[in-house]
Amino acid sequence: MANVNEEKCCPPGQVRRDGKCVLPEVTFTTLVISLNNSALLHLGELANPETGEKSQDFLLAKHAIDTLQLLKEKTAGNLTAKESELLANMLYDLRMRYVQLTR
């Protein structure tokens, strides 16, 4: 039987292996996607997974976008072409959404 912490980590339908929560591999890409999703959540583009509701917090959205920009600057020259392109595309998309929503 799963313990309470595991059930919170692994909601029904999430992948389990040997009775344990299987989280995505920790990679640069998963970090960037996580920050992107955080920004989208705070822009009101994604629903809160706990409440199912959408809300906006532009200060937190900007913080996530600024964090991605910092990663881009600090990792310059050390990323694969795919990682660099993913990061650049996400930053562009998030900035455009932020500008449209904060006008």
N, C-alpha and C. Protein backbone atom coordinates (compact mmCIF):
# COMPACT_ATOMS: atom_id res chain seq x y z
N MET A 1 0.84 -1.19 0.00
CA MET A 1 0.00 0.00 0.00
C MET A 1 0.88 1.24 0.00
N ALA A 2 0.52 2.24 -0.83
CA ALA A 2 1.31 3.46 -0.95
C ALA A 2 1.13 4.33 0.29
N ASN A 3 2.21 5.02 0.66
CA ASN A 3 2.08 5.93 1.79
C ASN A 3 1.50 7.26 1.32
N VAL A 4 1.13 8.13 2.25
CA VAL A 4 0.47 9.39 1.92
C VAL A 4 1.35 10.27 1.05
N ASN A 5 2.64 10.38 1.36
CA ASN A 5 3.54 11.22 0.58
C ASN A 5 3.64 10.74 -0.85
N GLU A 6 3.68 9.44 -1.06
CA GLU A 6 3.77 8.90 -2.41
C GLU A 6 2.51 9.21 -3.20
N GLU A 7 1.36 9.13 -2.56
CA GLU A 7 0.10 9.42 -3.26
C GLU A 7 0.05 10.88 -3.68
N LYS A 8 0.58 11.78 -2.87
CA LYS A 8 0.61 13.20 -3.25
C LYS A 8 1.56 13.40 -4.42
N CYS A 9 2.68 12.67 -4.42
CA CYS A 9 3.67 12.78 -5.48
C CYS A 9 3.14 12.16 -6.77
N CYS A 10 2.42 11.08 -6.64
CA CYS A 10 1.97 10.32 -7.81
C CYS A 10 0.46 10.21 -7.84
N PRO A 11 -0.20 11.19 -8.41
CA PRO A 11 -1.66 11.09 -8.50
C PRO A 11 -2.05 9.93 -9.41
N PRO A 12 -3.28 9.48 -9.33
CA PRO A 12 -3.71 8.38 -10.18
C PRO A 12 -3.40 8.66 -11.64
N GLY A 13 -2.91 7.64 -12.32
CA GLY A 13 -2.58 7.78 -13.73
C GLY A 13 -1.13 8.11 -13.99
N GLN A 14 -0.39 8.55 -12.97
CA GLN A 14 1.02 8.84 -13.17
C GLN A 14 1.80 7.54 -13.14
N VAL A 15 2.89 7.49 -13.83
CA VAL A 15 3.68 6.27 -13.95
C VAL A 15 4.31 5.89 -12.62
N ARG A 16 4.19 4.62 -12.30
CA ARG A 16 4.83 4.07 -11.11
C ARG A 16 5.70 2.89 -11.53
N ARG A 17 6.77 2.70 -10.83
CA ARG A 17 7.64 1.56 -11.07
C ARG A 17 8.01 0.96 -9.72
N ASP A 18 7.78 -0.31 -9.57
CA ASP A 18 8.07 -1.01 -8.32
C ASP A 18 7.39 -0.34 -7.13
N GLY A 19 6.19 0.17 -7.35
CA GLY A 19 5.43 0.79 -6.27
C GLY A 19 5.88 2.18 -5.89
N LYS A 20 6.81 2.75 -6.66
CA LYS A 20 7.32 4.08 -6.34
C LYS A 20 7.04 5.05 -7.48
N CYS A 21 6.99 6.31 -7.12
CA CYS A 21 6.76 7.37 -8.09
C CYS A 21 7.97 7.46 -9.03
N VAL A 22 7.69 7.50 -10.31
CA VAL A 22 8.76 7.65 -11.29
C VAL A 22 8.72 9.09 -11.80
N LEU A 23 9.68 9.85 -11.40
CA LEU A 23 9.77 11.24 -11.82
C LEU A 23 10.59 11.34 -13.10
N PRO A 24 10.38 12.41 -13.87
CA PRO A 24 11.18 12.56 -15.08
C PRO A 24 12.67 12.65 -14.73
N GLU A 25 13.49 12.20 -15.66
CA GLU A 25 14.93 12.31 -15.47
C GLU A 25 15.30 13.78 -15.31
N VAL A 26 16.23 14.07 -14.43
CA VAL A 26 16.67 15.45 -14.22
C VAL A 26 17.64 15.81 -15.34
N THR A 27 17.17 16.70 -16.22
CA THR A 27 18.00 17.17 -17.33
C THR A 27 17.81 18.68 -17.46
N PHE A 28 18.64 19.29 -18.26
CA PHE A 28 18.48 20.71 -18.51
C PHE A 28 17.11 20.98 -19.14
N THR A 29 16.71 20.11 -20.04
CA THR A 29 15.43 20.27 -20.73
C THR A 29 14.26 20.21 -19.75
N THR A 30 14.27 19.26 -18.81
CA THR A 30 13.17 19.18 -17.85
C THR A 30 13.14 20.40 -16.94
N LEU A 31 14.31 20.95 -16.61
CA LEU A 31 14.37 22.17 -15.80
C LEU A 31 13.74 23.33 -16.57
N VAL A 32 14.10 23.48 -17.83
CA VAL A 32 13.57 24.57 -18.65
C VAL A 32 12.06 24.42 -18.83
N ILE A 33 11.60 23.20 -19.07
CA ILE A 33 10.16 22.96 -19.23
C ILE A 33 9.42 23.27 -17.94
N SER A 34 10.00 22.91 -16.81
CA SER A 34 9.38 23.20 -15.52
C SER A 34 9.23 24.71 -15.30
N LEU A 35 10.26 25.46 -15.60
CA LEU A 35 10.18 26.92 -15.45
C LEU A 35 9.20 27.52 -16.45
N ASN A 36 9.16 26.98 -17.66
CA ASN A 36 8.20 27.43 -18.66
C ASN A 36 6.77 27.19 -18.17
N ASN A 37 6.52 26.00 -17.63
CA ASN A 37 5.18 25.69 -17.12
C ASN A 37 4.81 26.59 -15.95
N SER A 38 5.78 26.90 -15.11
CA SER A 38 5.54 27.81 -14.00
C SER A 38 5.13 29.19 -14.52
N ALA A 39 5.85 29.68 -15.51
CA ALA A 39 5.51 30.99 -16.09
C ALA A 39 4.12 30.95 -16.72
N LEU A 40 3.81 29.87 -17.46
CA LEU A 40 2.49 29.75 -18.08
C LEU A 40 1.38 29.70 -17.02
N LEU A 41 1.63 29.01 -15.93
CA LEU A 41 0.67 28.95 -14.83
C LEU A 41 0.40 30.34 -14.29
N HIS A 42 1.47 31.10 -14.05
CA HIS A 42 1.32 32.44 -13.47
C HIS A 42 0.77 33.46 -14.47
N LEU A 43 0.92 33.18 -15.76
CA LEU A 43 0.31 34.04 -16.76
C LEU A 43 -1.18 33.75 -16.92
N GLY A 44 -1.63 32.67 -16.29
CA GLY A 44 -3.03 32.29 -16.40
C GLY A 44 -3.32 31.44 -17.62
N GLU A 45 -2.28 30.94 -18.26
CA GLU A 45 -2.44 30.12 -19.46
C GLU A 45 -2.70 28.66 -19.11
N LEU A 46 -2.25 28.22 -17.94
CA LEU A 46 -2.48 26.86 -17.47
C LEU A 46 -3.28 26.92 -16.17
N ALA A 47 -4.11 25.92 -15.97
CA ALA A 47 -4.88 25.83 -14.73
C ALA A 47 -4.01 25.28 -13.61
N ASN A 48 -4.28 25.75 -12.41
CA ASN A 48 -3.60 25.22 -11.23
C ASN A 48 -3.98 23.74 -11.11
N PRO A 49 -3.00 22.84 -11.05
CA PRO A 49 -3.32 21.41 -11.00
C PRO A 49 -4.08 21.00 -9.75
N GLU A 50 -3.96 21.76 -8.67
CA GLU A 50 -4.66 21.41 -7.43
C GLU A 50 -6.10 21.89 -7.41
N THR A 51 -6.35 23.08 -8.00
CA THR A 51 -7.69 23.66 -7.94
C THR A 51 -8.44 23.59 -9.26
N GLY A 52 -7.69 23.42 -10.35
CA GLY A 52 -8.32 23.42 -11.67
C GLY A 52 -8.65 24.81 -12.17
N GLU A 53 -8.30 25.83 -11.40
CA GLU A 53 -8.62 27.21 -11.75
C GLU A 53 -7.41 27.92 -12.35
N LYS A 54 -7.69 28.89 -13.20
CA LYS A 54 -6.64 29.73 -13.77
C LYS A 54 -6.61 31.06 -13.03
N SER A 55 -5.41 31.53 -12.77
CA SER A 55 -5.27 32.85 -12.15
C SER A 55 -3.97 33.46 -12.66
N GLN A 56 -3.84 34.76 -12.49
CA GLN A 56 -2.66 35.45 -12.98
C GLN A 56 -1.89 36.10 -11.83
N ASP A 57 -0.59 35.96 -11.91
CA ASP A 57 0.32 36.65 -11.00
C ASP A 57 1.52 37.06 -11.86
N PHE A 58 1.44 38.27 -12.41
CA PHE A 58 2.45 38.71 -13.36
C PHE A 58 3.84 38.87 -12.74
N LEU A 59 3.90 39.16 -11.46
CA LEU A 59 5.20 39.27 -10.79
C LEU A 59 5.90 37.91 -10.78
N LEU A 60 5.17 36.85 -10.44
CA LEU A 60 5.77 35.51 -10.44
C LEU A 60 6.04 35.03 -11.85
N ALA A 61 5.20 35.40 -12.81
CA ALA A 61 5.46 35.03 -14.21
C ALA A 61 6.76 35.68 -14.68
N LYS A 62 6.94 36.95 -14.38
CA LYS A 62 8.17 37.66 -14.77
C LYS A 62 9.39 37.04 -14.09
N HIS A 63 9.24 36.61 -12.86
CA HIS A 63 10.35 35.98 -12.15
C HIS A 63 10.78 34.70 -12.86
N ALA A 64 9.83 33.89 -13.27
CA ALA A 64 10.15 32.64 -13.99
C ALA A 64 10.83 32.95 -15.33
N ILE A 65 10.32 33.97 -16.03
CA ILE A 65 10.91 34.36 -17.32
C ILE A 65 12.33 34.88 -17.10
N ASP A 66 12.52 35.71 -16.08
CA ASP A 66 13.86 36.22 -15.76
C ASP A 66 14.82 35.10 -15.39
N THR A 67 14.31 34.07 -14.71
CA THR A 67 15.14 32.92 -14.34
C THR A 67 15.58 32.18 -15.60
N LEU A 68 14.69 32.02 -16.55
CA LEU A 68 15.06 31.38 -17.82
C LEU A 68 16.10 32.22 -18.56
N GLN A 69 15.95 33.54 -18.53
CA GLN A 69 16.93 34.41 -19.17
C GLN A 69 18.30 34.27 -18.50
N LEU A 70 18.32 34.20 -17.19
CA LEU A 70 19.57 34.01 -16.46
C LEU A 70 20.23 32.68 -16.86
N LEU A 71 19.43 31.63 -16.95
CA LEU A 71 19.96 30.34 -17.39
C LEU A 71 20.56 30.44 -18.79
N LYS A 72 19.88 31.16 -19.66
CA LYS A 72 20.38 31.32 -21.03
C LYS A 72 21.75 32.01 -21.02
N GLU A 73 21.86 33.06 -20.24
CA GLU A 73 23.12 33.81 -20.17
C GLU A 73 24.24 32.98 -19.53
N LYS A 74 23.93 32.29 -18.44
CA LYS A 74 24.96 31.55 -17.71
C LYS A 74 25.38 30.26 -18.39
N THR A 75 24.55 29.75 -19.30
CA THR A 75 24.88 28.49 -19.97
C THR A 75 25.33 28.71 -21.41
N ALA A 76 25.46 29.96 -21.82
CA ALA A 76 25.86 30.26 -23.20
C ALA A 76 27.15 29.53 -23.56
N GLY A 77 27.12 28.83 -24.68
CA GLY A 77 28.29 28.09 -25.13
C GLY A 77 28.41 26.70 -24.54
N ASN A 78 27.52 26.34 -23.63
CA ASN A 78 27.60 25.03 -22.97
C ASN A 78 26.38 24.15 -23.24
N LEU A 79 25.49 24.59 -24.11
CA LEU A 79 24.28 23.82 -24.41
C LEU A 79 24.39 23.16 -25.77
N THR A 80 23.64 22.09 -25.94
CA THR A 80 23.53 21.50 -27.28
C THR A 80 22.69 22.46 -28.12
N ALA A 81 22.71 22.26 -29.42
CA ALA A 81 21.93 23.11 -30.31
C ALA A 81 20.44 23.00 -29.98
N LYS A 82 19.98 21.78 -29.69
CA LYS A 82 18.56 21.57 -29.35
C LYS A 82 18.19 22.28 -28.06
N GLU A 83 19.05 22.18 -27.03
CA GLU A 83 18.78 22.85 -25.75
C GLU A 83 18.73 24.36 -25.92
N SER A 84 19.68 24.89 -26.67
CA SER A 84 19.74 26.33 -26.91
C SER A 84 18.52 26.81 -27.67
N GLU A 85 18.10 26.06 -28.67
CA GLU A 85 16.93 26.43 -29.46
C GLU A 85 15.66 26.35 -28.61
N LEU A 86 15.52 25.31 -27.80
CA LEU A 86 14.37 25.17 -26.91
C LEU A 86 14.27 26.36 -25.97
N LEU A 87 15.36 26.71 -25.35
CA LEU A 87 15.38 27.82 -24.40
C LEU A 87 15.05 29.14 -25.09
N ALA A 88 15.64 29.38 -26.24
CA ALA A 88 15.37 30.62 -26.98
C ALA A 88 13.90 30.70 -27.40
N ASN A 89 13.37 29.59 -27.90
CA ASN A 89 11.96 29.59 -28.34
C ASN A 89 11.00 29.79 -27.16
N MET A 90 11.28 29.15 -26.04
CA MET A 90 10.43 29.32 -24.86
C MET A 90 10.47 30.75 -24.36
N LEU A 91 11.66 31.33 -24.31
CA LEU A 91 11.77 32.72 -23.85
C LEU A 91 11.01 33.66 -24.77
N TYR A 92 11.14 33.47 -26.06
CA TYR A 92 10.42 34.32 -27.02
C TYR A 92 8.91 34.20 -26.80
N ASP A 93 8.42 32.97 -26.74
CA ASP A 93 6.99 32.73 -26.56
C ASP A 93 6.48 33.34 -25.25
N LEU A 94 7.20 33.11 -24.17
CA LEU A 94 6.77 33.64 -22.87
C LEU A 94 6.77 35.17 -22.85
N ARG A 95 7.79 35.76 -23.45
CA ARG A 95 7.85 37.23 -23.49
C ARG A 95 6.69 37.81 -24.29
N MET A 96 6.36 37.19 -25.41
CA MET A 96 5.24 37.67 -26.22
C MET A 96 3.92 37.55 -25.46
N ARG A 97 3.73 36.43 -24.78
CA ARG A 97 2.51 36.24 -23.98
C ARG A 97 2.45 37.28 -22.85
N TYR A 98 3.60 37.49 -22.17
CA TYR A 98 3.65 38.44 -21.06
C TYR A 98 3.28 39.85 -21.54
N VAL A 99 3.86 40.26 -22.66
CA VAL A 99 3.59 41.60 -23.19
C VAL A 99 2.13 41.73 -23.57
N GLN A 100 1.57 40.73 -24.24
CA GLN A 100 0.16 40.80 -24.64
C GLN A 100 -0.76 40.87 -23.43
N LEU A 101 -0.44 40.13 -22.40
CA LEU A 101 -1.32 40.08 -21.22
C LEU A 101 -1.18 41.27 -20.29
N THR A 102 -0.05 41.95 -20.35
CA THR A 102 0.17 43.07 -19.42
C THR A 102 -0.04 44.42 -20.07
N ARG A 103 -0.47 44.46 -21.30
CA ARG A 103 -0.76 45.75 -21.97
C ARG A 103 -1.94 46.44 -21.34
